[in-house]
């Protein structure tokens, strides 16, 4: 599982011109699922995300978690995180999880993140989505389950 986590002032996702998810201060997660991912991996990734301390405290140090600041989460599926660009100029996506597995783990992750008491919004799996955000910092992290789990 690969996640690009962006700390945002706000973010939203639209499909066919209709807003389907929006948050204020919090995290925008671009979530990629591989063919070897499991619910156990999703559990570990959700735990890491919800415990990250990347919001500034009263001294300006990144010491506060999402819960500490009352932040929200917007999750958007992003199979292109598993693009392989080693050969040629057209990316291969053979390492990305198949649609059934990827959608199942995407939905699982959304629900798992909610168990931490977070307000969680999400995109529409497989749809042509438009994502708008105001990156705060900017502060962007790449989380890879191969390195975390």
C-alpha atoms as a PDB file:
ATOM      1  CA  UNK A   1       0.000   0.000   0.000  1.00  0.00           C
ATOM      2  CA  UNK A   2       1.283   3.431  -0.904  1.00  0.00           C
ATOM      3  CA  UNK A   3      -0.169   6.668   0.392  1.00  0.00           C
ATOM      4  CA  UNK A   4       0.701  10.225  -0.483  1.00  0.00           C
ATOM      5  CA  UNK A   5      -0.388  12.214   2.564  1.00  0.00           C
ATOM      6  CA  UNK A   6      -0.741  15.963   2.228  1.00  0.00           C
ATOM      7  CA  UNK A   7      -1.445  18.197   5.191  1.00  0.00           C
ATOM      8  CA  UNK A   8      -4.100  20.583   3.889  1.00  0.00           C
ATOM      9  CA  UNK A   9      -5.974  23.692   4.946  1.00  0.00           C
ATOM     10  CA  UNK A  10      -8.872  22.320   2.882  1.00  0.00           C
ATOM     11  CA  UNK A  11      -9.507  19.858   0.054  1.00  0.00           C
ATOM     12  CA  UNK A  12     -12.379  18.628  -2.072  1.00  0.00           C
ATOM     13  CA  UNK A  13     -13.090  16.048  -4.741  1.00  0.00           C
ATOM     14  CA  UNK A  14     -15.625  16.328  -7.555  1.00  0.00           C
ATOM     15  CA  UNK A  15     -17.016  13.885 -10.111  1.00  0.00           C
ATOM     16  CA  UNK A  16     -18.837  15.192 -13.191  1.00  0.00           C
ATOM     17  CA  UNK A  17     -18.846  18.680 -11.691  1.00  0.00           C
ATOM     18  CA  UNK A  18     -20.516  17.530  -8.456  1.00  0.00           C
ATOM     19  CA  UNK A  19     -18.665  17.794  -5.158  1.00  0.00           C
ATOM     20  CA  UNK A  20     -18.718  14.386  -3.469  1.00  0.00           C
ATOM     21  CA  UNK A  21     -16.282  14.971  -0.599  1.00  0.00           C
ATOM     22  CA  UNK A  22     -14.747  17.960   1.140  1.00  0.00           C
ATOM     23  CA  UNK A  23     -12.760  18.657   4.287  1.00  0.00           C
ATOM     24  CA  UNK A  24     -11.278  21.570   6.159  1.00  0.00           C
ATOM     25  CA  UNK A  25      -7.967  21.297   8.000  1.00  0.00           C
ATOM     26  CA  UNK A  26      -6.544  17.788   7.886  1.00  0.00           C
ATOM     27  CA  UNK A  27      -5.104  15.173   5.565  1.00  0.00           C
ATOM     28  CA  UNK A  28      -5.667  14.459   1.897  1.00  0.00           C
ATOM     29  CA  UNK A  29      -4.717  10.829   1.305  1.00  0.00           C
ATOM     30  CA  UNK A  30      -4.007   9.519  -2.188  1.00  0.00           C
ATOM     31  CA  UNK A  31      -4.286   5.764  -1.648  1.00  0.00           C
ATOM     32  CA  UNK A  32      -2.742   3.127  -3.902  1.00  0.00           C
ATOM     33  CA  UNK A  33      -3.334  -0.586  -3.326  1.00  0.00           C
ATOM     34  CA  UNK A  34      -1.001  -3.334  -4.555  1.00  0.00           C
ATOM     35  CA  UNK A  35      -1.919  -6.902  -5.387  1.00  0.00           C
ATOM     36  CA  UNK A  36      -0.285  -8.115  -2.147  1.00  0.00           C
ATOM     37  CA  UNK A  37      -2.062  -5.778   0.292  1.00  0.00           C
ATOM     38  CA  UNK A  38      -4.314  -7.046   3.071  1.00  0.00           C
ATOM     39  CA  UNK A  39      -6.627  -5.675   5.760  1.00  0.00           C
ATOM     40  CA  UNK A  40      -3.819  -6.191   8.283  1.00  0.00           C
ATOM     41  CA  UNK A  41      -1.599  -3.860   6.236  1.00  0.00           C
ATOM     42  CA  UNK A  42      -4.435  -1.329   6.004  1.00  0.00           C
ATOM     43  CA  UNK A  43      -4.820  -1.488   9.809  1.00  0.00           C
ATOM     44  CA  UNK A  44      -1.146  -0.644  10.324  1.00  0.00           C
ATOM     45  CA  UNK A  45      -1.247   2.169   7.789  1.00  0.00           C
ATOM     46  CA  UNK A  46      -4.395   3.670   9.355  1.00  0.00           C
ATOM     47  CA  UNK A  47      -2.774   3.529  12.780  1.00  0.00           C
ATOM     48  CA  UNK A  48       0.342   5.290  11.496  1.00  0.00           C
ATOM     49  CA  UNK A  49      -1.721   7.995   9.758  1.00  0.00           C
ATOM     50  CA  UNK A  50      -3.899   8.725  12.766  1.00  0.00           C
ATOM     51  CA  UNK A  51      -0.950   8.924  15.153  1.00  0.00           C
ATOM     52  CA  UNK A  52       1.315  11.095  12.993  1.00  0.00           C
ATOM     53  CA  UNK A  53       2.219  14.315  14.762  1.00  0.00           C
ATOM     54  CA  UNK A  54       2.677  16.788  11.937  1.00  0.00           C
ATOM     55  CA  UNK A  55       0.633  19.781  13.089  1.00  0.00           C
ATOM     56  CA  UNK A  56       2.326  22.669  14.872  1.00  0.00           C
ATOM     57  CA  UNK A  57       1.945  23.126  18.615  1.00  0.00           C
ATOM     58  CA  UNK A  58       2.021  26.497  20.424  1.00  0.00           C
ATOM     59  CA  UNK A  59       5.813  26.579  19.968  1.00  0.00           C
ATOM     60  CA  UNK A  60       5.656  25.929  16.219  1.00  0.00           C
ATOM     61  CA  UNK A  61       6.974  22.345  16.550  1.00  0.00           C
ATOM     62  CA  UNK A  62       5.271  19.525  14.659  1.00  0.00           C
ATOM     63  CA  UNK A  63       3.978  17.867  17.786  1.00  0.00           C
ATOM     64  CA  UNK A  64       0.206  17.523  17.331  1.00  0.00           C
ATOM     65  CA  UNK A  65      -1.819  14.746  15.740  1.00  0.00           C
ATOM     66  CA  UNK A  66      -4.933  14.953  13.599  1.00  0.00           C
ATOM     67  CA  UNK A  67      -7.102  14.317  16.676  1.00  0.00           C
ATOM     68  CA  UNK A  68      -5.287  17.032  18.631  1.00  0.00           C
ATOM     69  CA  UNK A  69      -6.289  19.669  16.059  1.00  0.00           C
ATOM     70  CA  UNK A  70      -9.747  18.286  15.220  1.00  0.00           C
ATOM     71  CA  UNK A  71      -8.620  17.539  11.671  1.00  0.00           C
ATOM     72  CA  UNK A  72     -10.475  15.667   8.939  1.00  0.00           C
ATOM     73  CA  UNK A  73      -9.436  13.174   6.256  1.00  0.00           C
ATOM     74  CA  UNK A  74     -10.232  13.007   2.545  1.00  0.00           C
ATOM     75  CA  UNK A  75      -9.312   9.664   0.923  1.00  0.00           C
ATOM     76  CA  UNK A  76      -8.945   9.391  -2.861  1.00  0.00           C
ATOM     77  CA  UNK A  77      -8.089   6.144  -4.654  1.00  0.00           C
ATOM     78  CA  UNK A  78      -4.929   6.456  -6.756  1.00  0.00           C
ATOM     79  CA  UNK A  79      -3.784   3.275  -8.535  1.00  0.00           C
ATOM     80  CA  UNK A  80      -1.208   5.317 -10.443  1.00  0.00           C
ATOM     81  CA  UNK A  81       0.992   5.301  -7.323  1.00  0.00           C
ATOM     82  CA  UNK A  82       2.000   1.837  -8.527  1.00  0.00           C
ATOM     83  CA  UNK A  83       3.161   3.058 -11.933  1.00  0.00           C
ATOM     84  CA  UNK A  84       6.330   1.392 -13.194  1.00  0.00           C
ATOM     85  CA  UNK A  85       8.196   3.793 -15.478  1.00  0.00           C
ATOM     86  CA  UNK A  86      11.426   1.812 -15.859  1.00  0.00           C
ATOM     87  CA  UNK A  87      10.892   0.769 -19.467  1.00  0.00           C
ATOM     88  CA  UNK A  88       9.741   3.033 -22.248  1.00  0.00           C
ATOM     89  CA  UNK A  89       7.578   6.106 -21.884  1.00  0.00           C
ATOM     90  CA  UNK A  90       4.241   4.509 -21.082  1.00  0.00           C
ATOM     91  CA  UNK A  91       3.814   3.494 -17.438  1.00  0.00           C
ATOM     92  CA  UNK A  92       2.885  -0.065 -16.542  1.00  0.00           C
ATOM     93  CA  UNK A  93       0.440  -0.686 -13.713  1.00  0.00           C
ATOM     94  CA  UNK A  94       0.914  -4.425 -13.253  1.00  0.00           C
ATOM     95  CA  UNK A  95       1.833  -4.011  -9.562  1.00  0.00           C
ATOM     96  CA  UNK A  96      -1.429  -2.209  -8.760  1.00  0.00           C
ATOM     97  CA  UNK A  97      -4.102  -4.295  -7.116  1.00  0.00           C
ATOM     98  CA  UNK A  98      -6.966  -5.503  -9.285  1.00  0.00           C
ATOM     99  CA  UNK A  99     -10.174  -3.466  -9.092  1.00  0.00           C
ATOM    100  CA  UNK A 100     -12.027  -5.854  -6.771  1.00  0.00           C
ATOM    101  CA  UNK A 101      -9.204  -6.060  -4.206  1.00  0.00           C
ATOM    102  CA  UNK A 102      -8.314  -2.378  -4.503  1.00  0.00           C
ATOM    103  CA  UNK A 103     -11.903  -1.200  -4.031  1.00  0.00           C
ATOM    104  CA  UNK A 104     -12.407  -3.538  -1.090  1.00  0.00           C
ATOM    105  CA  UNK A 105      -9.273  -2.277   0.684  1.00  0.00           C
ATOM    106  CA  UNK A 106     -10.059   1.340  -0.217  1.00  0.00           C
ATOM    107  CA  UNK A 107     -13.477   1.041   1.422  1.00  0.00           C
ATOM    108  CA  UNK A 108     -11.935  -0.839   4.348  1.00  0.00           C
ATOM    109  CA  UNK A 109      -9.392   1.945   4.867  1.00  0.00           C
ATOM    110  CA  UNK A 110     -12.109   4.622   4.869  1.00  0.00           C
ATOM    111  CA  UNK A 111     -14.032   2.727   7.548  1.00  0.00           C
ATOM    112  CA  UNK A 112     -10.890   1.943   9.544  1.00  0.00           C
ATOM    113  CA  UNK A 113      -9.877   5.619   9.651  1.00  0.00           C
ATOM    114  CA  UNK A 114     -13.331   6.451  11.044  1.00  0.00           C
ATOM    115  CA  UNK A 115     -12.758   4.115  14.008  1.00  0.00           C
ATOM    116  CA  UNK A 116     -10.184   6.614  15.311  1.00  0.00           C
ATOM    117  CA  UNK A 117     -12.953   9.210  15.656  1.00  0.00           C
ATOM    118  CA  UNK A 118     -12.047  11.091  12.488  1.00  0.00           C
ATOM    119  CA  UNK A 119     -14.435  12.802  10.106  1.00  0.00           C
ATOM    120  CA  UNK A 120     -13.610  10.972   6.867  1.00  0.00           C
ATOM    121  CA  UNK A 121     -14.742  11.944   3.376  1.00  0.00           C
ATOM    122  CA  UNK A 122     -13.819  10.076   0.195  1.00  0.00           C
ATOM    123  CA  UNK A 123     -13.812  10.067  -3.545  1.00  0.00           C
ATOM    124  CA  UNK A 124     -15.482   7.566  -5.864  1.00  0.00           C
ATOM    125  CA  UNK A 125     -13.398   4.495  -6.645  1.00  0.00           C
ATOM    126  CA  UNK A 126     -12.603   4.215 -10.348  1.00  0.00           C
ATOM    127  CA  UNK A 127     -14.240   7.524 -11.274  1.00  0.00           C
ATOM    128  CA  UNK A 128     -12.622  10.393 -13.168  1.00  0.00           C
ATOM    129  CA  UNK A 129     -12.148  12.677 -10.179  1.00  0.00           C
ATOM    130  CA  UNK A 130     -10.965  16.249  -9.859  1.00  0.00           C
ATOM    131  CA  UNK A 131      -9.145  16.993  -6.614  1.00  0.00           C
ATOM    132  CA  UNK A 132      -8.570  20.507  -5.315  1.00  0.00           C
ATOM    133  CA  UNK A 133      -6.493  21.309  -2.256  1.00  0.00           C
ATOM    134  CA  UNK A 134      -4.630  23.973  -0.415  1.00  0.00           C
ATOM    135  CA  UNK A 135      -1.465  22.242   0.796  1.00  0.00           C
ATOM    136  CA  UNK A 136      -0.516  23.491   4.244  1.00  0.00           C
ATOM    137  CA  UNK A 137       3.211  23.986   4.594  1.00  0.00           C
ATOM    138  CA  UNK A 138       3.519  22.419   2.125  1.00  0.00           C
ATOM    139  CA  UNK A 139       3.792  19.236   4.127  1.00  0.00           C
ATOM    140  CA  UNK A 140       3.681  16.043   2.062  1.00  0.00           C
ATOM    141  CA  UNK A 141       4.682  12.522   3.109  1.00  0.00           C
ATOM    142  CA  UNK A 142       4.924   9.291   1.140  1.00  0.00           C
ATOM    143  CA  UNK A 143       3.965   6.260   3.220  1.00  0.00           C
ATOM    144  CA  UNK A 144       4.848   2.834   1.828  1.00  0.00           C
ATOM    145  CA  UNK A 145       3.687  -0.304   3.642  1.00  0.00           C
ATOM    146  CA  UNK A 146       6.883  -2.049   2.531  1.00  0.00           C
ATOM    147  CA  UNK A 147       8.750   0.383   4.795  1.00  0.00           C
ATOM    148  CA  UNK A 148       6.191   0.774   7.604  1.00  0.00           C
ATOM    149  CA  UNK A 149       4.722  -2.700   8.070  1.00  0.00           C
END
